[in-house]
Amino acid sequence: MKKFSDYLQAIARTNHPGNGLKTQWLFYCGMLFLSRDKWWGDFRHRPSRHEGIDICWHRNEQTHEVHGFTPETRIPAMENGTVVNICDDFLGRTLVVKQKIPEASEFKIIFTYAHIVPEANILIGQQIKKDQVIATVCDTQKNPQLVPHLHFSCFEIIEPVPETRLDWNVFTDPEKVNMICPVFL
C-alpha cells in the first residue's frame, strides 16, 4: 500500500506533470484526521471528529505560490480496487472503493473519495487501477463557505456490512460508525 505522502504526490503529478515533485501540501488543523475543528465558515467545532483528511491547498516549492483545487482538479486512485458504491454527499458525490488485499480475504479496506464528480465511465463493480483518474473535484458554488477539495478517508470494515450500504451516511453518522474503523495511513 502507498504511503499517504506518495498519494499526495500522485495527485500533484496528475495535475501538474513535471512539477509534481515540487509541491508542498498545506493543511489547517481542521482538515486533518480526528480534528474537532472546522476550517471553514465560523471555524468553531465539528459535531464529531473528522473521519478523513481534506486536501486542496498546495504550494510550489520553487515559486512559493499557493494554489487551491478547482473543479477541473483530477483525482487519481490511491490503489487498485473495486468500486462498491457511488453515493451523494452534501457537496457532490462520494466514490467508495474496496482495496484488493489478496492475503486476507476477510479483511476489507475501503477508500472514500468525497466531494467529487466521478468520471462518466466509473461504475459500481468496476475495477480501478492505482493512479487512474477516477474523478474531478466538485464545484462548491452551492456552498460558498467551502472551497473545492477532496475529502479522502480510509476505513477498515469491522462488521459484515453489505457493500451497497457503505455510503456517506454510514461514514459520518456517530450511531453507525461502530460498523467501521477509520484508519490513518
C-alpha atoms as a PDB file:
ATOM      1  CA  MET A   1       0.000   0.000   0.000  1.00  0.00           C
ATOM      2  CA  LYS A   2       1.181   3.503  -0.740  1.00  0.00           C
ATOM      3  CA  LYS A   3       2.038   5.951   1.973  1.00  0.00           C
ATOM      4  CA  PHE A   4      -0.289   8.935   2.149  1.00  0.00           C
ATOM      5  CA  SER A   5       2.538  11.287   1.166  1.00  0.00           C
ATOM      6  CA  ASP A   6       3.004   9.190  -2.001  1.00  0.00           C
ATOM      7  CA  TYR A   7      -0.694   9.648  -2.776  1.00  0.00           C
ATOM      8  CA  LEU A   8      -0.379  13.427  -2.417  1.00  0.00           C
ATOM      9  CA  GLN A   9       2.488  13.364  -4.908  1.00  0.00           C
ATOM     10  CA  ALA A  10       0.347  11.266  -7.284  1.00  0.00           C
ATOM     11  CA  ILE A  11      -2.339  13.988  -7.137  1.00  0.00           C
ATOM     12  CA  ALA A  12       0.327  16.609  -7.888  1.00  0.00           C
ATOM     13  CA  ARG A  13       1.791  14.621 -10.809  1.00  0.00           C
ATOM     14  CA  THR A  14      -1.696  14.018 -12.252  1.00  0.00           C
ATOM     15  CA  ASN A  15      -2.498  17.732 -12.251  1.00  0.00           C
ATOM     16  CA  HIS A  16       0.954  19.269 -12.793  1.00  0.00           C
ATOM     17  CA  PRO A  17       3.061  16.878 -14.894  1.00  0.00           C
ATOM     18  CA  GLY A  18       6.734  17.687 -14.468  1.00  0.00           C
ATOM     19  CA  ASN A  19       6.134  19.878 -11.398  1.00  0.00           C
ATOM     20  CA  GLY A  20       4.510  17.276  -9.133  1.00  0.00           C
ATOM     21  CA  LEU A  21       7.633  16.649  -7.059  1.00  0.00           C
ATOM     22  CA  LYS A  22       7.955  20.384  -6.345  1.00  0.00           C
ATOM     23  CA  THR A  23       4.623  20.503  -4.499  1.00  0.00           C
ATOM     24  CA  GLN A  24       4.191  21.117  -0.775  1.00  0.00           C
ATOM     25  CA  TRP A  25       0.762  20.403   0.706  1.00  0.00           C
ATOM     26  CA  LEU A  26      -0.827  22.835   3.148  1.00  0.00           C
ATOM     27  CA  PHE A  27      -3.398  21.939   5.816  1.00  0.00           C
ATOM     28  CA  TYR A  28      -5.341  23.746   8.521  1.00  0.00           C
ATOM     29  CA  CYS A  29      -5.747  21.729  11.711  1.00  0.00           C
ATOM     30  CA  GLY A  30      -9.447  21.235  10.952  1.00  0.00           C
ATOM     31  CA  MET A  31      -8.617  19.469   7.690  1.00  0.00           C
ATOM     32  CA  LEU A  32      -6.790  16.647   9.441  1.00  0.00           C
ATOM     33  CA  PHE A  33      -7.871  13.211  10.654  1.00  0.00           C
ATOM     34  CA  LEU A  34      -9.720  13.207  14.015  1.00  0.00           C
ATOM     35  CA  SER A  35      -9.840  17.013  14.282  1.00  0.00           C
ATOM     36  CA  ARG A  36     -12.848  18.557  16.003  1.00  0.00           C
ATOM     37  CA  ASP A  37     -12.118  21.959  14.465  1.00  0.00           C
ATOM     38  CA  LYS A  38     -13.768  23.379  11.359  1.00  0.00           C
ATOM     39  CA  TRP A  39     -11.599  25.032   8.716  1.00  0.00           C
ATOM     40  CA  TRP A  40     -14.498  26.893   7.064  1.00  0.00           C
ATOM     41  CA  GLY A  41     -17.430  29.144   7.988  1.00  0.00           C
ATOM     42  CA  ASP A  42     -17.387  30.078  11.675  1.00  0.00           C
ATOM     43  CA  PHE A  43     -14.244  27.989  12.386  1.00  0.00           C
ATOM     44  CA  ARG A  44     -15.843  26.546  15.516  1.00  0.00           C
ATOM     45  CA  HIS A  45     -16.217  22.833  16.149  1.00  0.00           C
ATOM     46  CA  ARG A  46     -17.484  19.881  14.144  1.00  0.00           C
ATOM     47  CA  PRO A  47     -20.298  17.795  15.679  1.00  0.00           C
ATOM     48  CA  SER A  48     -17.953  14.759  15.608  1.00  0.00           C
ATOM     49  CA  ARG A  49     -14.312  14.063  14.857  1.00  0.00           C
ATOM     50  CA  HIS A  50     -13.196  14.364  11.231  1.00  0.00           C
ATOM     51  CA  GLU A  51     -13.077  10.858   9.767  1.00  0.00           C
ATOM     52  CA  GLY A  52     -10.713  11.730   6.936  1.00  0.00           C
ATOM     53  CA  ILE A  53      -8.445  14.403   5.568  1.00  0.00           C
ATOM     54  CA  ASP A  54      -9.395  17.366   3.376  1.00  0.00           C
ATOM     55  CA  ILE A  55      -6.954  18.107   0.574  1.00  0.00           C
ATOM     56  CA  CYS A  56      -6.908  21.284  -1.511  1.00  0.00           C
ATOM     57  CA  TRP A  57      -4.105  23.792  -0.940  1.00  0.00           C
ATOM     58  CA  HIS A  58      -0.612  23.320  -2.232  1.00  0.00           C
ATOM     59  CA  ARG A  59       2.469  25.444  -2.787  1.00  0.00           C
ATOM     60  CA  ASN A  60       5.137  25.262  -5.456  1.00  0.00           C
ATOM     61  CA  GLU A  61       8.449  24.789  -3.591  1.00  0.00           C
ATOM     62  CA  GLN A  62      10.354  26.998  -6.032  1.00  0.00           C
ATOM     63  CA  THR A  63       7.975  29.942  -6.556  1.00  0.00           C
ATOM     64  CA  HIS A  64       6.148  29.649  -3.180  1.00  0.00           C
ATOM     65  CA  GLU A  65       2.868  30.380  -4.979  1.00  0.00           C
ATOM     66  CA  VAL A  66      -0.138  28.894  -3.162  1.00  0.00           C
ATOM     67  CA  HIS A  67      -2.874  27.281  -5.254  1.00  0.00           C
ATOM     68  CA  GLY A  68      -6.168  25.618  -4.414  1.00  0.00           C
ATOM     69  CA  PHE A  69      -8.139  22.921  -6.149  1.00  0.00           C
ATOM     70  CA  THR A  70     -10.614  23.880  -8.846  1.00  0.00           C
ATOM     71  CA  PRO A  71     -13.486  21.834 -10.310  1.00  0.00           C
ATOM     72  CA  GLU A  72     -11.016  20.746 -13.010  1.00  0.00           C
ATOM     73  CA  THR A  73      -8.630  19.135 -10.484  1.00  0.00           C
ATOM     74  CA  ARG A  74      -8.292  15.452 -11.374  1.00  0.00           C
ATOM     75  CA  ILE A  75      -8.315  12.779  -8.671  1.00  0.00           C
ATOM     76  CA  PRO A  76      -6.289   9.584  -9.172  1.00  0.00           C
ATOM     77  CA  ALA A  77      -6.996   6.304  -7.375  1.00  0.00           C
ATOM     78  CA  MET A  78      -4.694   5.621  -4.440  1.00  0.00           C
ATOM     79  CA  GLU A  79      -4.631   1.836  -5.005  1.00  0.00           C
ATOM     80  CA  ASN A  80      -6.133  -0.876  -7.184  1.00  0.00           C
ATOM     81  CA  GLY A  81      -9.648  -1.743  -6.117  1.00  0.00           C
ATOM     82  CA  THR A  82     -13.309  -2.278  -6.915  1.00  0.00           C
ATOM     83  CA  VAL A  83     -15.943   0.457  -6.878  1.00  0.00           C
ATOM     84  CA  VAL A  84     -18.561  -0.752  -4.373  1.00  0.00           C
ATOM     85  CA  ASN A  85     -20.762   2.342  -4.165  1.00  0.00           C
ATOM     86  CA  ILE A  86     -21.276   5.790  -5.633  1.00  0.00           C
ATOM     87  CA  CYS A  87     -23.466   7.988  -3.450  1.00  0.00           C
ATOM     88  CA  ASP A  88     -24.416  11.596  -2.893  1.00  0.00           C
ATOM     89  CA  ASP A  89     -22.777  13.670  -0.188  1.00  0.00           C
ATOM     90  CA  PHE A  90     -23.547  17.216   0.894  1.00  0.00           C
ATOM     91  CA  LEU A  91     -21.274  18.796  -1.746  1.00  0.00           C
ATOM     92  CA  GLY A  92     -21.156  16.331  -4.612  1.00  0.00           C
ATOM     93  CA  ARG A  93     -20.668  12.572  -4.824  1.00  0.00           C
ATOM     94  CA  THR A  94     -18.627  10.004  -2.938  1.00  0.00           C
ATOM     95  CA  LEU A  95     -16.834   7.116  -4.585  1.00  0.00           C
ATOM     96  CA  VAL A  96     -16.426   4.079  -2.278  1.00  0.00           C
ATOM     97  CA  VAL A  97     -13.629   1.725  -3.336  1.00  0.00           C
ATOM     98  CA  LYS A  98     -12.691  -1.618  -1.768  1.00  0.00           C
ATOM     99  CA  GLN A  99      -8.972  -2.256  -1.929  1.00  0.00           C
ATOM    100  CA  LYS A 100      -7.781  -5.673  -3.047  1.00  0.00           C
ATOM    101  CA  ILE A 101      -5.965  -7.476  -0.229  1.00  0.00           C
ATOM    102  CA  PRO A 102      -5.284 -10.992  -1.535  1.00  0.00           C
ATOM    103  CA  GLU A 103      -3.580 -12.325   1.605  1.00  0.00           C
ATOM    104  CA  ALA A 104      -6.579 -11.633   3.886  1.00  0.00           C
ATOM    105  CA  SER A 105      -9.942 -12.250   2.245  1.00  0.00           C
ATOM    106  CA  GLU A 106     -11.999 -11.340   5.364  1.00  0.00           C
ATOM    107  CA  PHE A 107     -10.120  -8.065   5.781  1.00  0.00           C
ATOM    108  CA  LYS A 108     -11.730  -5.087   3.998  1.00  0.00           C
ATOM    109  CA  ILE A 109     -10.060  -1.739   3.457  1.00  0.00           C
ATOM    110  CA  ILE A 110     -12.319   0.930   1.988  1.00  0.00           C
ATOM    111  CA  PHE A 111     -11.174   4.217   0.484  1.00  0.00           C
ATOM    112  CA  THR A 112     -13.660   7.052   0.074  1.00  0.00           C
ATOM    113  CA  TYR A 113     -13.132   9.934  -2.289  1.00  0.00           C
ATOM    114  CA  ALA A 114     -15.760  12.527  -1.363  1.00  0.00           C
ATOM    115  CA  HIS A 115     -16.959  15.877  -2.728  1.00  0.00           C
ATOM    116  CA  ILE A 116     -16.140  14.808  -6.267  1.00  0.00           C
ATOM    117  CA  VAL A 117     -17.651  14.250  -9.694  1.00  0.00           C
ATOM    118  CA  PRO A 118     -16.810  10.665 -10.738  1.00  0.00           C
ATOM    119  CA  GLU A 119     -15.617  10.121 -14.300  1.00  0.00           C
ATOM    120  CA  ALA A 120     -18.538   9.072 -16.548  1.00  0.00           C
ATOM    121  CA  ASN A 121     -17.027   5.622 -17.137  1.00  0.00           C
ATOM    122  CA  ILE A 122     -16.723   4.796 -13.409  1.00  0.00           C
ATOM    123  CA  LEU A 123     -19.485   2.359 -12.401  1.00  0.00           C
ATOM    124  CA  ILE A 124     -20.285   0.208  -9.373  1.00  0.00           C
ATOM    125  CA  GLY A 125     -18.490  -3.128  -9.706  1.00  0.00           C
ATOM    126  CA  GLN A 126     -15.756  -1.702 -11.894  1.00  0.00           C
ATOM    127  CA  GLN A 127     -12.092  -2.455 -11.245  1.00  0.00           C
ATOM    128  CA  ILE A 128      -9.900   0.631 -10.998  1.00  0.00           C
ATOM    129  CA  LYS A 129      -6.119   0.876 -11.146  1.00  0.00           C
ATOM    130  CA  LYS A 130      -3.713   2.777  -8.946  1.00  0.00           C
ATOM    131  CA  ASP A 131      -3.142   6.301 -10.344  1.00  0.00           C
ATOM    132  CA  GLN A 132      -6.103   6.016 -12.781  1.00  0.00           C
ATOM    133  CA  VAL A 133      -8.039   9.302 -12.905  1.00  0.00           C
ATOM    134  CA  ILE A 134     -11.391   8.435 -11.312  1.00  0.00           C
ATOM    135  CA  ALA A 135     -12.929  11.870 -10.697  1.00  0.00           C
ATOM    136  CA  THR A 136     -12.617  15.615 -10.613  1.00  0.00           C
ATOM    137  CA  VAL A 137     -13.222  17.786  -7.577  1.00  0.00           C
ATOM    138  CA  CYS A 138     -16.774  19.079  -7.387  1.00  0.00           C
ATOM    139  CA  ASP A 139     -17.692  22.726  -7.790  1.00  0.00           C
ATOM    140  CA  THR A 140     -18.671  24.054  -4.362  1.00  0.00           C
ATOM    141  CA  GLN A 141     -20.537  27.164  -5.527  1.00  0.00           C
ATOM    142  CA  LYS A 142     -23.725  25.900  -3.852  1.00  0.00           C
ATOM    143  CA  ASN A 143     -21.855  26.040  -0.508  1.00  0.00           C
ATOM    144  CA  PRO A 144     -19.548  29.071  -0.820  1.00  0.00           C
ATOM    145  CA  GLN A 145     -18.131  28.594   2.694  1.00  0.00           C
ATOM    146  CA  LEU A 146     -16.163  25.614   1.374  1.00  0.00           C
ATOM    147  CA  VAL A 147     -13.572  25.705  -1.377  1.00  0.00           C
ATOM    148  CA  PRO A 148     -13.294  22.795  -3.820  1.00  0.00           C
ATOM    149  CA  HIS A 149     -11.465  19.987  -2.034  1.00  0.00           C
ATOM    150  CA  LEU A 150     -11.095  16.229  -1.861  1.00  0.00           C
ATOM    151  CA  HIS A 151     -12.244  14.587   1.356  1.00  0.00           C
ATOM    152  CA  PHE A 152     -10.256  11.338   1.486  1.00  0.00           C
ATOM    153  CA  SER A 153     -10.836   8.584   4.053  1.00  0.00           C
ATOM    154  CA  CYS A 154      -9.602   5.083   4.670  1.00  0.00           C
ATOM    155  CA  PHE A 155     -11.734   2.645   6.687  1.00  0.00           C
ATOM    156  CA  GLU A 156     -11.339  -0.887   7.960  1.00  0.00           C
ATOM    157  CA  ILE A 157     -14.692  -2.652   7.888  1.00  0.00           C
ATOM    158  CA  ILE A 158     -15.042  -4.469  11.208  1.00  0.00           C
ATOM    159  CA  GLU A 159     -18.576  -5.807  10.869  1.00  0.00           C
ATOM    160  CA  PRO A 160     -20.216  -7.670   7.995  1.00  0.00           C
ATOM    161  CA  VAL A 161     -21.910  -4.799   6.193  1.00  0.00           C
ATOM    162  CA  PRO A 162     -23.423  -5.068   2.708  1.00  0.00           C
ATOM    163  CA  GLU A 163     -21.167  -3.016   0.465  1.00  0.00           C
ATOM    164  CA  THR A 164     -24.145  -1.169  -1.019  1.00  0.00           C
ATOM    165  CA  ARG A 165     -24.782   0.260   2.495  1.00  0.00           C
ATOM    166  CA  LEU A 166     -21.324   1.826   2.598  1.00  0.00           C
ATOM    167  CA  ASP A 167     -22.267   5.413   1.902  1.00  0.00           C
ATOM    168  CA  TRP A 168     -21.743   8.910   3.222  1.00  0.00           C
ATOM    169  CA  ASN A 169     -24.417   8.434   5.927  1.00  0.00           C
ATOM    170  CA  VAL A 170     -22.606   5.420   7.425  1.00  0.00           C
ATOM    171  CA  PHE A 171     -19.230   7.137   7.413  1.00  0.00           C
ATOM    172  CA  THR A 172     -20.444  10.306   9.153  1.00  0.00           C
ATOM    173  CA  ASP A 173     -23.232   9.087  11.487  1.00  0.00           C
ATOM    174  CA  PRO A 174     -21.997   8.563  15.091  1.00  0.00           C
ATOM    175  CA  GLU A 175     -24.721   5.917  15.584  1.00  0.00           C
ATOM    176  CA  LYS A 176     -23.499   3.830  12.624  1.00  0.00           C
ATOM    177  CA  VAL A 177     -19.769   4.387  12.922  1.00  0.00           C
ATOM    178  CA  ASN A 178     -19.386   1.234  15.079  1.00  0.00           C
ATOM    179  CA  MET A 179     -19.500  -0.816  11.850  1.00  0.00           C
ATOM    180  CA  ILE A 180     -16.297   0.768  10.601  1.00  0.00           C
ATOM    181  CA  CYS A 181     -12.969   1.904  11.953  1.00  0.00           C
ATOM    182  CA  PRO A 182     -11.339   4.986  10.408  1.00  0.00           C
ATOM    183  CA  VAL A 183      -7.678   4.354   9.616  1.00  0.00           C
ATOM    184  CA  PHE A 184      -4.938   6.901   9.165  1.00  0.00           C
ATOM    185  CA  LEU A 185      -2.372   5.973   6.535  1.00  0.00           C
END
